[in-house]
Amino acid sequence: ERRKTKDERRKTKDERRKTKDERRKTKDERRKTKDERRKTKDVAFKGELCQNNIILK
């Protein structure tokens, strides 16, 4: 097997890096959905609190 040229090596390195970035992106997306879920949960909780307050008054 012949040795790879510098360009070929660099290309494979770039491809690896891209996959790493893609993985990171998916991680960020997952985190975002988690935050969104938490936010909606907070809103729902606040809604319940408001309803309870109204009932109390």
Protein backbone atom coordinates (compact mmCIF):
# COMPACT_ATOMS: atom_id res chain seq x y z
CA GLU A 1 0.00 0.00 0.00
CA ARG A 2 1.40 3.36 -1.00
CA ARG A 3 1.66 6.12 1.53
CA LYS A 4 -1.06 8.74 1.46
CA THR A 5 -0.17 12.20 0.27
CA LYS A 6 -0.50 15.12 2.64
CA ASP A 7 -3.73 16.27 0.96
CA GLU A 8 -5.36 12.86 1.33
CA ARG A 9 -4.43 12.71 5.00
CA ARG A 10 -5.80 16.21 5.55
CA LYS A 11 -9.05 15.27 3.81
CA THR A 12 -9.63 12.29 6.08
CA LYS A 13 -8.85 14.51 9.07
CA ASP A 14 -11.41 17.08 7.88
CA GLU A 15 -14.01 14.36 7.39
CA ARG A 16 -13.42 13.10 10.91
CA ARG A 17 -13.70 16.62 12.27
CA LYS A 18 -16.95 17.14 10.37
CA THR A 19 -18.49 14.04 11.93
CA LYS A 20 -17.39 15.34 15.33
CA ASP A 21 -19.10 18.68 14.63
CA GLU A 22 -22.24 16.87 13.48
CA ARG A 23 -22.27 14.84 16.69
CA ARG A 24 -21.88 18.02 18.71
CA LYS A 25 -24.75 19.62 16.75
CA THR A 26 -27.08 16.73 17.53
CA LYS A 27 -26.04 17.01 21.19
CA ASP A 28 -26.90 20.73 21.14
CA GLU A 29 -30.26 19.96 19.51
CA ARG A 30 -31.02 17.38 22.20
CA ARG A 31 -30.08 19.87 24.90
CA LYS A 32 -32.32 22.49 23.26
CA THR A 33 -35.30 20.14 23.26
CA LYS A 34 -34.58 19.39 26.94
CA ASP A 35 -34.59 23.12 27.70
CA GLU A 36 -37.81 23.58 25.73
CA ARG A 37 -39.45 20.74 27.65
CA ARG A 38 -38.36 22.31 30.93
CA LYS A 39 -39.69 25.69 29.79
CA THR A 40 -43.09 24.27 28.86
CA LYS A 41 -43.17 22.43 32.19
CA ASP A 42 -42.48 25.72 34.00
CA VAL A 43 -45.23 27.45 32.04
CA ALA A 44 -47.67 24.63 32.82
CA PHE A 45 -46.70 24.81 36.50
CA LYS A 46 -47.21 28.59 36.54
CA GLY A 47 -50.59 28.08 34.88
CA GLU A 48 -51.59 25.65 37.63
CA LEU A 49 -50.41 28.11 40.27
CA CYS A 50 -52.49 30.88 38.69
CA GLN A 51 -55.55 28.65 38.57
CA ASN A 52 -55.00 27.66 42.20
CA ASN A 53 -54.66 31.31 43.19
CA ILE A 54 -57.87 32.15 41.37
CA ILE A 55 -59.60 29.28 43.15
CA LEU A 56 -58.23 30.46 46.50
CA LYS A 57 -59.45 34.04 45.98
